Amino acid sequence: MGQGINTVGKISTGIQGLDKMLLGGLQLPLINPKEDISSSEKGIIIVLKGDRGTDKTLFAMQMMHGIAKSLNNLEFKPQVPAFYSLDKNTDQMNDMLLDFIISKCIDKMVRTSSLSNDWTGSRFADAIFDTGKIRAGASHSSAPPPFPENLKSKIDSYISEGIVFYNIRTNSLHFRTAQSIDSQANILFTRRYDKISDYQKISNVFSSDGNFDFRNDFFDVRFNGHIPIENENKDSRNEMEYKYVTTPSHTFSKILSHIQKGAEENTKNKSMPSSCIVIDGLTKISDSDLKSFELTPFEHILRKSALVTIIVIDDLDEKLKISADILIELGRI
């Protein structure tokens, strides 16, 4: 049984360096078990600030994943995390999140390869990738490099040894070669799904003690929930059409309205709030339009809607007025 929300203490953000800076993780306000959490305004607000090109979106997504993963272990699970973006569609965000999760899992396999015997078969690769057929050379004139005979049956071992690696450009596993070659010549297996929600179907594959943690990495995330859904089948084309006929400031208003409606429904149904909400892409709004948004009255809605809200912005002081509990500023290295 997981912890109650009144005893959760500090939770991991999923980013080791940030957890260290926060002296062990993110401290959530304690909530009395008799308290109506749906009406509580104890969620915290984090503002993530930085120059353009500092990967703020990816950092926010990593935080969202780490926070949601930690909070999913609570006795009373919060609602799924939500990620709103003014400049990225659902396909792009799914791709970014899956690249991060898969790379994170493979990094763990590499780090633990000398300490564990879990990575001997093909369970991980079979779950994450379409391992039915090696794709090397399928669309390339040159012959692929020679592969080990037991490549498919022992591919997890090759992954943990770094011989097989994940390429985020092709969303595929590749065989590492001594010489640089075209990516199509050493491609092995493509990613099985393009949506994180589809990977929930195979999460039970990861059930042993050694890789149990991988089950908790794949969970549903609600992307751009403010965009109308036709026939319950939202796709990137519908999103782009929606964005094409709206201005960034109008989209931002839609996002705030959608969050407010969700908070009202939570209060009505006495439901748990979301584990984490991210609002990203505010740089698309002009300075004059962004200054017109006064979020101070809206803060209580954000604190009711999610246990943690992350707002991503370039310049906090001049453009957007909001009282943040934590300010994280990213800089260029």
C-alpha atoms as a PDB file:
ATOM      1  CA  MET A   1       0.000   0.000   0.000  1.00  0.00           C
ATOM      2  CA  GLY A   2       1.327   3.457  -0.887  1.00  0.00           C
ATOM      3  CA  GLN A   3       1.738   6.406   1.398  1.00  0.00           C
ATOM      4  CA  GLY A   4      -1.122   8.715   2.251  1.00  0.00           C
ATOM      5  CA  ILE A   5      -0.839  12.259   1.017  1.00  0.00           C
ATOM      6  CA  ASN A   6      -0.475  13.499   4.588  1.00  0.00           C
ATOM      7  CA  THR A   7       2.691  11.433   5.074  1.00  0.00           C
ATOM      8  CA  VAL A   8       4.310  11.621   1.670  1.00  0.00           C
ATOM      9  CA  GLY A   9       7.056  14.058   2.702  1.00  0.00           C
ATOM     10  CA  LYS A  10       9.522  14.827  -0.060  1.00  0.00           C
ATOM     11  CA  ILE A  11       9.093  13.382  -3.525  1.00  0.00           C
ATOM     12  CA  SER A  12      11.614  12.966  -6.307  1.00  0.00           C
ATOM     13  CA  THR A  13      11.420  15.271  -9.312  1.00  0.00           C
ATOM     14  CA  GLY A  14      13.081  12.611 -11.440  1.00  0.00           C
ATOM     15  CA  ILE A  15      16.109  14.872 -11.909  1.00  0.00           C
ATOM     16  CA  GLN A  16      18.909  13.870  -9.571  1.00  0.00           C
ATOM     17  CA  GLY A  17      20.692  17.225  -9.592  1.00  0.00           C
ATOM     18  CA  LEU A  18      17.476  19.114  -8.848  1.00  0.00           C
ATOM     19  CA  ASP A  19      16.574  16.721  -6.023  1.00  0.00           C
ATOM     20  CA  LYS A  20      19.986  17.420  -4.513  1.00  0.00           C
ATOM     21  CA  MET A  21      19.449  21.182  -4.749  1.00  0.00           C
ATOM     22  CA  LEU A  22      16.068  20.722  -3.049  1.00  0.00           C
ATOM     23  CA  LEU A  23      17.772  18.768  -0.228  1.00  0.00           C
ATOM     24  CA  GLY A  24      16.211  15.447  -1.082  1.00  0.00           C
ATOM     25  CA  GLY A  25      13.297  16.291  -3.312  1.00  0.00           C
ATOM     26  CA  LEU A  26      10.201  18.428  -3.621  1.00  0.00           C
ATOM     27  CA  GLN A  27       8.341  19.075  -0.366  1.00  0.00           C
ATOM     28  CA  LEU A  28       4.580  19.003  -0.802  1.00  0.00           C
ATOM     29  CA  PRO A  29       2.347  20.640   1.813  1.00  0.00           C
ATOM     30  CA  LEU A  30       0.831  18.066   4.141  1.00  0.00           C
ATOM     31  CA  ILE A  31      -2.897  17.559   3.789  1.00  0.00           C
ATOM     32  CA  ASN A  32      -5.093  16.270   6.589  1.00  0.00           C
ATOM     33  CA  PRO A  33      -6.731  12.954   5.603  1.00  0.00           C
ATOM     34  CA  LYS A  34     -10.094  14.357   6.749  1.00  0.00           C
ATOM     35  CA  GLU A  35      -9.677  17.390   4.521  1.00  0.00           C
ATOM     36  CA  ASP A  36     -11.545  17.630   1.221  1.00  0.00           C
ATOM     37  CA  ILE A  37      -8.549  17.632  -1.091  1.00  0.00           C
ATOM     38  CA  SER A  38     -10.695  18.554  -4.094  1.00  0.00           C
ATOM     39  CA  SER A  39     -11.332  21.947  -2.466  1.00  0.00           C
ATOM     40  CA  SER A  40      -7.821  22.354  -1.117  1.00  0.00           C
ATOM     41  CA  GLU A  41      -5.572  25.040  -2.557  1.00  0.00           C
ATOM     42  CA  LYS A  42      -2.326  23.531  -1.321  1.00  0.00           C
ATOM     43  CA  GLY A  43      -0.769  22.681  -4.655  1.00  0.00           C
ATOM     44  CA  ILE A  44       2.546  24.366  -5.322  1.00  0.00           C
ATOM     45  CA  ILE A  45       3.523  26.485  -8.331  1.00  0.00           C
ATOM     46  CA  ILE A  46       6.946  26.238  -9.960  1.00  0.00           C
ATOM     47  CA  VAL A  47       8.123  28.743 -12.560  1.00  0.00           C
ATOM     48  CA  LEU A  48      10.782  27.467 -14.927  1.00  0.00           C
ATOM     49  CA  LYS A  49      12.658  30.365 -16.489  1.00  0.00           C
ATOM     50  CA  GLY A  50      15.517  30.546 -18.961  1.00  0.00           C
ATOM     51  CA  ASP A  51      16.825  31.879 -22.234  1.00  0.00           C
ATOM     52  CA  ARG A  52      15.690  30.348 -25.486  1.00  0.00           C
ATOM     53  CA  GLY A  53      17.661  27.240 -26.345  1.00  0.00           C
ATOM     54  CA  THR A  54      18.043  26.048 -22.747  1.00  0.00           C
ATOM     55  CA  ASP A  55      15.738  23.036 -23.241  1.00  0.00           C
ATOM     56  CA  LYS A  56      13.127  24.298 -20.798  1.00  0.00           C
ATOM     57  CA  THR A  57      10.378  22.209 -22.403  1.00  0.00           C
ATOM     58  CA  LEU A  58      12.353  18.988 -22.036  1.00  0.00           C
ATOM     59  CA  PHE A  59      13.323  19.895 -18.462  1.00  0.00           C
ATOM     60  CA  ALA A  60       9.665  20.555 -17.594  1.00  0.00           C
ATOM     61  CA  MET A  61       8.633  17.258 -19.173  1.00  0.00           C
ATOM     62  CA  GLN A  62      11.272  15.377 -17.180  1.00  0.00           C
ATOM     63  CA  MET A  63      10.033  17.052 -13.997  1.00  0.00           C
ATOM     64  CA  MET A  64       6.422  16.236 -14.830  1.00  0.00           C
ATOM     65  CA  HIS A  65       7.298  12.584 -15.430  1.00  0.00           C
ATOM     66  CA  GLY A  66       9.354  12.280 -12.245  1.00  0.00           C
ATOM     67  CA  ILE A  67       6.765  14.019 -10.059  1.00  0.00           C
ATOM     68  CA  ALA A  68       3.854  12.021 -11.498  1.00  0.00           C
ATOM     69  CA  LYS A  69       5.787   8.774 -11.122  1.00  0.00           C
ATOM     70  CA  SER A  70       6.473   9.556  -7.460  1.00  0.00           C
ATOM     71  CA  LEU A  71       2.879  10.569  -6.732  1.00  0.00           C
ATOM     72  CA  ASN A  72       1.445   7.503  -8.475  1.00  0.00           C
ATOM     73  CA  ASN A  73       2.762   5.499  -5.528  1.00  0.00           C
ATOM     74  CA  LEU A  74       0.366   7.246  -3.157  1.00  0.00           C
ATOM     75  CA  GLU A  75      -2.405   5.262  -1.514  1.00  0.00           C
ATOM     76  CA  PHE A  76      -4.910   7.571  -3.208  1.00  0.00           C
ATOM     77  CA  LYS A  77      -3.609   8.193  -6.701  1.00  0.00           C
ATOM     78  CA  PRO A  78      -4.031  11.651  -8.202  1.00  0.00           C
ATOM     79  CA  GLN A  79      -5.420  12.172 -11.671  1.00  0.00           C
ATOM     80  CA  VAL A  80      -3.102  11.837 -14.657  1.00  0.00           C
ATOM     81  CA  PRO A  81      -0.627  14.640 -15.370  1.00  0.00           C
ATOM     82  CA  ALA A  82      -1.440  17.205 -18.045  1.00  0.00           C
ATOM     83  CA  PHE A  83       0.884  19.037 -20.414  1.00  0.00           C
ATOM     84  CA  TYR A  84      -0.347  22.097 -22.313  1.00  0.00           C
ATOM     85  CA  SER A  85       1.752  23.646 -25.070  1.00  0.00           C
ATOM     86  CA  LEU A  86       1.181  26.641 -27.301  1.00  0.00           C
ATOM     87  CA  ASP A  87       3.747  25.566 -29.886  1.00  0.00           C
ATOM     88  CA  LYS A  88       3.864  21.747 -29.900  1.00  0.00           C
ATOM     89  CA  ASN A  89       1.235  19.228 -30.927  1.00  0.00           C
ATOM     90  CA  THR A  90       0.398  15.947 -29.246  1.00  0.00           C
ATOM     91  CA  ASP A  91       2.551  13.849 -31.573  1.00  0.00           C
ATOM     92  CA  GLN A  92       5.605  15.993 -30.864  1.00  0.00           C
ATOM     93  CA  MET A  93       5.098  15.833 -27.102  1.00  0.00           C
ATOM     94  CA  ASN A  94       4.466  12.084 -27.117  1.00  0.00           C
ATOM     95  CA  ASP A  95       7.666  11.630 -29.100  1.00  0.00           C
ATOM     96  CA  MET A  96       9.676  13.815 -26.735  1.00  0.00           C
ATOM     97  CA  LEU A  97       8.389  12.023 -23.645  1.00  0.00           C
ATOM     98  CA  LEU A  98       8.885   8.528 -25.069  1.00  0.00           C
ATOM     99  CA  ASP A  99      12.428   9.384 -26.161  1.00  0.00           C
ATOM    100  CA  PHE A 100      13.174  10.521 -22.620  1.00  0.00           C
ATOM    101  CA  ILE A 101      11.621   7.472 -20.926  1.00  0.00           C
ATOM    102  CA  ILE A 102      13.210   4.903 -23.242  1.00  0.00           C
ATOM    103  CA  SER A 103      16.622   6.579 -22.997  1.00  0.00           C
ATOM    104  CA  LYS A 104      16.240   6.658 -19.214  1.00  0.00           C
ATOM    105  CA  CYS A 105      15.392   2.944 -19.058  1.00  0.00           C
ATOM    106  CA  ILE A 106      18.327   2.036 -21.306  1.00  0.00           C
ATOM    107  CA  ASP A 107      20.655   4.187 -19.215  1.00  0.00           C
ATOM    108  CA  LYS A 108      19.594   2.175 -16.175  1.00  0.00           C
ATOM    109  CA  MET A 109      20.257  -1.072 -18.044  1.00  0.00           C
ATOM    110  CA  VAL A 110      23.775   0.088 -18.901  1.00  0.00           C
ATOM    111  CA  ARG A 111      24.489   1.273 -15.347  1.00  0.00           C
ATOM    112  CA  THR A 112      23.282  -1.961 -13.754  1.00  0.00           C
ATOM    113  CA  SER A 113      24.608  -4.436 -16.314  1.00  0.00           C
ATOM    114  CA  SER A 114      27.583  -5.429 -14.160  1.00  0.00           C
ATOM    115  CA  LEU A 115      25.401  -5.802 -11.052  1.00  0.00           C
ATOM    116  CA  SER A 116      22.430  -7.697 -12.450  1.00  0.00           C
ATOM    117  CA  ASN A 117      21.619 -10.728 -14.567  1.00  0.00           C
ATOM    118  CA  ASP A 118      18.267  -9.306 -15.682  1.00  0.00           C
ATOM    119  CA  TRP A 119      19.458  -8.207 -19.092  1.00  0.00           C
ATOM    120  CA  THR A 120      20.088 -11.584 -20.724  1.00  0.00           C
ATOM    121  CA  GLY A 121      17.089 -12.174 -22.977  1.00  0.00           C
ATOM    122  CA  SER A 122      14.885  -9.898 -25.046  1.00  0.00           C
ATOM    123  CA  ARG A 123      12.040  -8.938 -22.709  1.00  0.00           C
ATOM    124  CA  PHE A 124      12.736  -5.200 -22.701  1.00  0.00           C
ATOM    125  CA  ALA A 125      13.343  -4.912 -26.449  1.00  0.00           C
ATOM    126  CA  ASP A 126      10.313  -7.066 -27.308  1.00  0.00           C
ATOM    127  CA  ALA A 127       8.069  -4.831 -25.187  1.00  0.00           C
ATOM    128  CA  ILE A 128       9.318  -1.476 -26.426  1.00  0.00           C
ATOM    129  CA  PHE A 129      10.303  -2.203 -30.041  1.00  0.00           C
ATOM    130  CA  ASP A 130       8.920  -4.130 -33.008  1.00  0.00           C
ATOM    131  CA  THR A 131      11.477  -6.939 -32.984  1.00  0.00           C
ATOM    132  CA  GLY A 132       9.812  -9.077 -35.638  1.00  0.00           C
ATOM    133  CA  LYS A 133      12.265  -8.142 -38.363  1.00  0.00           C
ATOM    134  CA  ILE A 134      15.675  -6.473 -38.526  1.00  0.00           C
ATOM    135  CA  ARG A 135      15.314  -3.411 -40.738  1.00  0.00           C
ATOM    136  CA  ALA A 136      18.983  -2.763 -41.562  1.00  0.00           C
ATOM    137  CA  GLY A 137      19.582  -2.195 -45.251  1.00  0.00           C
ATOM    138  CA  ALA A 138      15.882  -2.182 -46.126  1.00  0.00           C
ATOM    139  CA  SER A 139      16.143   1.233 -47.775  1.00  0.00           C
ATOM    140  CA  HIS A 140      19.892   1.496 -48.302  1.00  0.00           C
ATOM    141  CA  SER A 141      22.048   0.439 -51.222  1.00  0.00           C
ATOM    142  CA  SER A 142      24.964  -0.831 -49.126  1.00  0.00           C
ATOM    143  CA  ALA A 143      24.877  -4.095 -47.207  1.00  0.00           C
ATOM    144  CA  PRO A 144      24.386  -3.898 -43.433  1.00  0.00           C
ATOM    145  CA  PRO A 145      27.260  -4.858 -41.124  1.00  0.00           C
ATOM    146  CA  PRO A 146      27.385  -8.476 -39.905  1.00  0.00           C
ATOM    147  CA  PHE A 147      25.258  -9.023 -36.809  1.00  0.00           C
ATOM    148  CA  PRO A 148      25.716 -11.701 -34.092  1.00  0.00           C
ATOM    149  CA  GLU A 149      23.584 -14.800 -34.649  1.00  0.00           C
ATOM    150  CA  ASN A 150      21.981 -14.436 -31.218  1.00  0.00           C
ATOM    151  CA  LEU A 151      21.232 -10.718 -31.673  1.00  0.00           C
ATOM    152  CA  LYS A 152      17.455 -11.047 -31.400  1.00  0.00           C
ATOM    153  CA  SER A 153      17.384 -13.574 -28.565  1.00  0.00           C
ATOM    154  CA  LYS A 154      20.005 -11.727 -26.472  1.00  0.00           C
ATOM    155  CA  ILE A 155      19.359  -8.175 -27.533  1.00  0.00           C
ATOM    156  CA  ASP A 156      18.755  -6.898 -23.976  1.00  0.00           C
ATOM    157  CA  SER A 157      22.292  -7.972 -23.164  1.00  0.00           C
ATOM    158  CA  TYR A 158      23.637  -6.072 -26.170  1.00  0.00           C
ATOM    159  CA  ILE A 159      21.664  -3.002 -25.086  1.00  0.00           C
ATOM    160  CA  SER A 160      23.023  -3.155 -21.535  1.00  0.00           C
ATOM    161  CA  GLU A 161      26.560  -3.423 -22.898  1.00  0.00           C
ATOM    162  CA  GLY A 162      26.106  -0.376 -25.121  1.00  0.00           C
ATOM    163  CA  ILE A 163      26.561  -2.378 -28.321  1.00  0.00           C
ATOM    164  CA  VAL A 164      22.978  -1.626 -29.311  1.00  0.00           C
ATOM    165  CA  PHE A 165      21.736   1.912 -28.688  1.00  0.00           C
ATOM    166  CA  TYR A 166      18.580   3.973 -29.073  1.00  0.00           C
ATOM    167  CA  ASN A 167      18.549   6.736 -31.699  1.00  0.00           C
ATOM    168  CA  ILE A 168      16.050   9.507 -30.926  1.00  0.00           C
ATOM    169  CA  ARG A 169      16.134  10.731 -34.538  1.00  0.00           C
ATOM    170  CA  THR A 170      14.885   7.423 -35.926  1.00  0.00           C
ATOM    171  CA  ASN A 171      13.043   6.227 -32.788  1.00  0.00           C
ATOM    172  CA  SER A 172      14.838   2.920 -33.284  1.00  0.00           C
ATOM    173  CA  LEU A 173      17.509   0.626 -31.925  1.00  0.00           C
ATOM    174  CA  HIS A 174      20.784   0.676 -33.857  1.00  0.00           C
ATOM    175  CA  PHE A 175      23.859  -1.553 -33.823  1.00  0.00           C
ATOM    176  CA  ARG A 176      26.991   0.333 -32.857  1.00  0.00           C
ATOM    177  CA  THR A 177      29.766   0.084 -35.447  1.00  0.00           C
ATOM    178  CA  ALA A 178      33.425   1.066 -35.342  1.00  0.00           C
ATOM    179  CA  GLN A 179      33.001   3.309 -38.360  1.00  0.00           C
ATOM    180  CA  SER A 180      30.391   5.970 -38.956  1.00  0.00           C
ATOM    181  CA  ILE A 181      27.796   4.712 -41.441  1.00  0.00           C
ATOM    182  CA  ASP A 182      24.386   5.754 -42.674  1.00  0.00           C
ATOM    183  CA  SER A 183      21.738   5.306 -39.972  1.00  0.00           C
ATOM    184  CA  GLN A 184      19.684   3.083 -42.292  1.00  0.00           C
ATOM    185  CA  ALA A 185      22.531   0.598 -42.605  1.00  0.00           C
ATOM    186  CA  ASN A 186      22.688  -0.327 -38.920  1.00  0.00           C
ATOM    187  CA  ILE A 187      19.066   0.170 -37.908  1.00  0.00           C
ATOM    188  CA  LEU A 188      17.582  -2.812 -36.079  1.00  0.00           C
ATOM    189  CA  PHE A 189      14.096  -2.315 -34.657  1.00  0.00           C
ATOM    190  CA  THR A 190      11.709   0.639 -34.651  1.00  0.00           C
ATOM    191  CA  ARG A 191       9.748   1.810 -31.629  1.00  0.00           C
ATOM    192  CA  ARG A 192       6.567  -0.214 -31.229  1.00  0.00           C
ATOM    193  CA  TYR A 193       4.230   2.695 -30.413  1.00  0.00           C
ATOM    194  CA  ASP A 194       4.228   6.464 -30.796  1.00  0.00           C
ATOM    195  CA  LYS A 195       1.943   7.234 -27.851  1.00  0.00           C
ATOM    196  CA  ILE A 196       2.858   6.694 -24.225  1.00  0.00           C
ATOM    197  CA  SER A 197      -0.709   5.578 -23.469  1.00  0.00           C
ATOM    198  CA  ASP A 198      -0.249   2.594 -25.797  1.00  0.00           C
ATOM    199  CA  TYR A 199       2.681   1.356 -23.724  1.00  0.00           C
ATOM    200  CA  GLN A 200       0.370   0.814 -20.758  1.00  0.00           C
ATOM    201  CA  LYS A 201      -0.760  -2.324 -22.587  1.00  0.00           C
ATOM    202  CA  ILE A 202       2.642  -3.941 -22.080  1.00  0.00           C
ATOM    203  CA  SER A 203       3.650  -2.480 -18.701  1.00  0.00           C
ATOM    204  CA  ASN A 204       2.977  -5.804 -16.949  1.00  0.00           C
ATOM    205  CA  VAL A 205       5.839  -7.322 -18.932  1.00  0.00           C
ATOM    206  CA  PHE A 206       8.160  -5.632 -16.456  1.00  0.00           C
ATOM    207  CA  SER A 207       7.349  -7.671 -13.382  1.00  0.00           C
ATOM    208  CA  SER A 208      10.590  -9.043 -11.953  1.00  0.00           C
ATOM    209  CA  ASP A 209      12.404  -7.431  -9.035  1.00  0.00           C
ATOM    210  CA  GLY A 210      15.254  -6.309 -11.235  1.00  0.00           C
ATOM    211  CA  ASN A 211      13.248  -4.215 -13.689  1.00  0.00           C
ATOM    212  CA  PHE A 212       9.999  -3.708 -11.780  1.00  0.00           C
ATOM    213  CA  ASP A 213      10.599   0.028 -11.827  1.00  0.00           C
ATOM    214  CA  PHE A 214      10.063   0.172 -15.586  1.00  0.00           C
ATOM    215  CA  ARG A 215       6.369  -0.591 -15.084  1.00  0.00           C
ATOM    216  CA  ASN A 216       5.944   2.732 -13.296  1.00  0.00           C
ATOM    217  CA  ASP A 217       7.622   4.703 -16.076  1.00  0.00           C
ATOM    218  CA  PHE A 218       4.799   4.219 -18.570  1.00  0.00           C
ATOM    219  CA  PHE A 219       1.538   5.929 -17.634  1.00  0.00           C
ATOM    220  CA  ASP A 220      -1.032   8.109 -19.335  1.00  0.00           C
ATOM    221  CA  VAL A 221      -0.392  11.812 -19.852  1.00  0.00           C
ATOM    222  CA  ARG A 222      -3.070  14.204 -21.079  1.00  0.00           C
ATOM    223  CA  PHE A 223      -1.553  16.386 -23.803  1.00  0.00           C
ATOM    224  CA  ASN A 224      -3.267  19.617 -24.933  1.00  0.00           C
ATOM    225  CA  GLY A 225      -6.566  18.746 -23.310  1.00  0.00           C
ATOM    226  CA  HIS A 226      -7.956  22.166 -24.278  1.00  0.00           C
ATOM    227  CA  ILE A 227      -8.136  21.201 -27.965  1.00  0.00           C
ATOM    228  CA  PRO A 228     -11.531  19.922 -29.146  1.00  0.00           C
ATOM    229  CA  ILE A 229     -11.686  16.194 -29.860  1.00  0.00           C
ATOM    230  CA  GLU A 230     -13.672  14.914 -32.808  1.00  0.00           C
ATOM    231  CA  ASN A 231     -15.078  11.392 -32.443  1.00  0.00           C
ATOM    232  CA  GLU A 232     -12.749  10.816 -29.483  1.00  0.00           C
ATOM    233  CA  ASN A 233      -9.876  10.549 -31.956  1.00  0.00           C
ATOM    234  CA  LYS A 234      -7.507  13.472 -31.539  1.00  0.00           C
ATOM    235  CA  ASP A 235      -4.650  13.692 -34.004  1.00  0.00           C
ATOM    236  CA  SER A 236      -1.957  16.188 -34.906  1.00  0.00           C
ATOM    237  CA  ARG A 237      -3.851  17.414 -37.989  1.00  0.00           C
ATOM    238  CA  ASN A 238      -6.855  18.431 -35.882  1.00  0.00           C
ATOM    239  CA  GLU A 239      -4.485  20.206 -33.529  1.00  0.00           C
ATOM    240  CA  MET A 240      -2.725  22.116 -36.287  1.00  0.00           C
ATOM    241  CA  GLU A 241      -6.076  23.167 -37.781  1.00  0.00           C
ATOM    242  CA  TYR A 242      -7.178  24.350 -34.347  1.00  0.00           C
ATOM    243  CA  LYS A 243      -3.986  26.342 -33.824  1.00  0.00           C
ATOM    244  CA  TYR A 244      -4.109  27.795 -37.315  1.00  0.00           C
ATOM    245  CA  VAL A 245      -7.358  29.625 -36.640  1.00  0.00           C
ATOM    246  CA  THR A 246      -6.439  30.848 -33.152  1.00  0.00           C
ATOM    247  CA  THR A 247      -3.881  33.284 -31.817  1.00  0.00           C
ATOM    248  CA  PRO A 248      -1.429  32.254 -29.069  1.00  0.00           C
ATOM    249  CA  SER A 249      -3.186  34.512 -26.564  1.00  0.00           C
ATOM    250  CA  HIS A 250      -6.543  32.944 -27.459  1.00  0.00           C
ATOM    251  CA  THR A 251      -5.028  29.482 -27.026  1.00  0.00           C
ATOM    252  CA  PHE A 252      -3.656  30.486 -23.626  1.00  0.00           C
ATOM    253  CA  SER A 253      -7.127  31.659 -22.593  1.00  0.00           C
ATOM    254  CA  LYS A 254      -8.528  28.294 -23.709  1.00  0.00           C
ATOM    255  CA  ILE A 255      -5.918  26.491 -21.610  1.00  0.00           C
ATOM    256  CA  LEU A 256      -6.768  28.519 -18.502  1.00  0.00           C
ATOM    257  CA  SER A 257     -10.491  27.933 -19.066  1.00  0.00           C
ATOM    258  CA  HIS A 258      -9.920  24.196 -19.479  1.00  0.00           C
ATOM    259  CA  ILE A 259      -7.932  24.031 -16.237  1.00  0.00           C
ATOM    260  CA  GLN A 260     -10.606  26.012 -14.401  1.00  0.00           C
ATOM    261  CA  LYS A 261     -13.359  23.708 -15.677  1.00  0.00           C
ATOM    262  CA  GLY A 262     -11.356  20.698 -14.488  1.00  0.00           C
ATOM    263  CA  ALA A 263     -10.954  22.231 -11.034  1.00  0.00           C
ATOM    264  CA  GLU A 264     -14.705  22.840 -10.808  1.00  0.00           C
ATOM    265  CA  GLU A 265     -15.419  19.233 -11.797  1.00  0.00           C
ATOM    266  CA  ASN A 266     -12.940  17.976  -9.194  1.00  0.00           C
ATOM    267  CA  THR A 267     -14.693  19.994  -6.503  1.00  0.00           C
ATOM    268  CA  LYS A 268     -18.116  18.788  -7.636  1.00  0.00           C
ATOM    269  CA  ASN A 269     -17.074  15.133  -7.715  1.00  0.00           C
ATOM    270  CA  LYS A 270     -14.667  15.394  -4.753  1.00  0.00           C
ATOM    271  CA  SER A 271     -11.936  13.999  -6.988  1.00  0.00           C
ATOM    272  CA  MET A 272      -8.200  14.030  -6.529  1.00  0.00           C
ATOM    273  CA  PRO A 273      -6.395  16.784  -8.450  1.00  0.00           C
ATOM    274  CA  SER A 274      -3.860  16.076 -11.175  1.00  0.00           C
ATOM    275  CA  SER A 275      -0.395  15.069 -10.033  1.00  0.00           C
ATOM    276  CA  CYS A 276       1.219  17.723 -12.225  1.00  0.00           C
ATOM    277  CA  ILE A 277       0.195  20.319 -14.796  1.00  0.00           C
ATOM    278  CA  VAL A 278       2.664  21.968 -17.180  1.00  0.00           C
ATOM    279  CA  ILE A 279       1.946  25.103 -19.227  1.00  0.00           C
ATOM    280  CA  ASP A 280       4.588  25.615 -21.911  1.00  0.00           C
ATOM    281  CA  GLY A 281       5.166  27.784 -24.968  1.00  0.00           C
ATOM    282  CA  LEU A 282       4.217  31.176 -23.555  1.00  0.00           C
ATOM    283  CA  THR A 283       6.997  32.730 -25.630  1.00  0.00           C
ATOM    284  CA  LYS A 284       4.589  32.550 -28.574  1.00  0.00           C
ATOM    285  CA  ILE A 285       2.443  35.240 -26.934  1.00  0.00           C
ATOM    286  CA  SER A 286       3.458  38.816 -27.669  1.00  0.00           C
ATOM    287  CA  ASP A 287       4.821  40.901 -24.798  1.00  0.00           C
ATOM    288  CA  SER A 288       1.815  43.224 -24.844  1.00  0.00           C
ATOM    289  CA  ASP A 289      -0.695  40.360 -24.824  1.00  0.00           C
ATOM    290  CA  LEU A 290       1.131  38.446 -22.118  1.00  0.00           C
ATOM    291  CA  LYS A 291       1.256  41.508 -19.868  1.00  0.00           C
ATOM    292  CA  SER A 292      -2.534  41.677 -20.083  1.00  0.00           C
ATOM    293  CA  PHE A 293      -2.893  38.281 -18.399  1.00  0.00           C
ATOM    294  CA  GLU A 294      -3.216  38.712 -14.663  1.00  0.00           C
ATOM    295  CA  LEU A 295      -2.739  35.258 -13.194  1.00  0.00           C
ATOM    296  CA  THR A 296      -2.865  36.242  -9.540  1.00  0.00           C
ATOM    297  CA  PRO A 297      -6.634  35.576  -9.254  1.00  0.00           C
ATOM    298  CA  PHE A 298      -6.095  32.340 -11.162  1.00  0.00           C
ATOM    299  CA  GLU A 299      -3.444  31.010  -8.804  1.00  0.00           C
ATOM    300  CA  HIS A 300      -5.964  29.416  -6.476  1.00  0.00           C
ATOM    301  CA  ILE A 301      -7.371  27.500  -9.464  1.00  0.00           C
ATOM    302  CA  LEU A 302      -3.898  26.211 -10.328  1.00  0.00           C
ATOM    303  CA  ARG A 303      -3.319  25.172  -6.715  1.00  0.00           C
ATOM    304  CA  LYS A 304      -6.621  23.284  -6.686  1.00  0.00           C
ATOM    305  CA  SER A 305      -6.112  21.677 -10.075  1.00  0.00           C
ATOM    306  CA  ALA A 306      -2.760  19.988  -9.452  1.00  0.00           C
ATOM    307  CA  LEU A 307      -0.457  19.079  -6.611  1.00  0.00           C
ATOM    308  CA  VAL A 308       2.333  20.649  -8.690  1.00  0.00           C
ATOM    309  CA  THR A 309       1.986  23.203 -11.501  1.00  0.00           C
ATOM    310  CA  ILE A 310       4.969  24.087 -13.702  1.00  0.00           C
ATOM    311  CA  ILE A 311       4.863  27.256 -15.813  1.00  0.00           C
ATOM    312  CA  VAL A 312       7.574  27.588 -18.460  1.00  0.00           C
ATOM    313  CA  ILE A 313       8.547  31.085 -19.567  1.00  0.00           C
ATOM    314  CA  ASP A 314      11.457  33.065 -20.980  1.00  0.00           C
ATOM    315  CA  ASP A 315      11.238  36.305 -19.008  1.00  0.00           C
ATOM    316  CA  LEU A 316       9.255  36.223 -15.786  1.00  0.00           C
ATOM    317  CA  ASP A 317       9.739  39.755 -14.476  1.00  0.00           C
ATOM    318  CA  GLU A 318       8.458  41.767 -17.426  1.00  0.00           C
ATOM    319  CA  LYS A 319       5.887  39.509 -19.049  1.00  0.00           C
ATOM    320  CA  LEU A 320       3.989  37.521 -16.470  1.00  0.00           C
ATOM    321  CA  LYS A 321       3.034  38.305 -12.912  1.00  0.00           C
ATOM    322  CA  ILE A 322       2.541  35.229 -10.746  1.00  0.00           C
ATOM    323  CA  SER A 323       3.597  34.261  -7.248  1.00  0.00           C
ATOM    324  CA  ALA A 324       5.713  31.135  -7.547  1.00  0.00           C
ATOM    325  CA  ASP A 325       6.672  28.916  -4.633  1.00  0.00           C
ATOM    326  CA  ILE A 326       9.821  27.843  -6.475  1.00  0.00           C
ATOM    327  CA  LEU A 327      11.706  29.622  -9.259  1.00  0.00           C
ATOM    328  CA  ILE A 328      14.127  27.556 -11.332  1.00  0.00           C
ATOM    329  CA  GLU A 329      16.318  29.433 -13.791  1.00  0.00           C
ATOM    330  CA  LEU A 330      18.135  27.530 -16.515  1.00  0.00           C
ATOM    331  CA  GLY A 331      21.243  28.941 -18.156  1.00  0.00           C
ATOM    332  CA  ARG A 332      23.459  28.021 -21.050  1.00  0.00           C
ATOM    333  CA  ILE A 333      26.520  25.902 -20.338  1.00  0.00           C
END
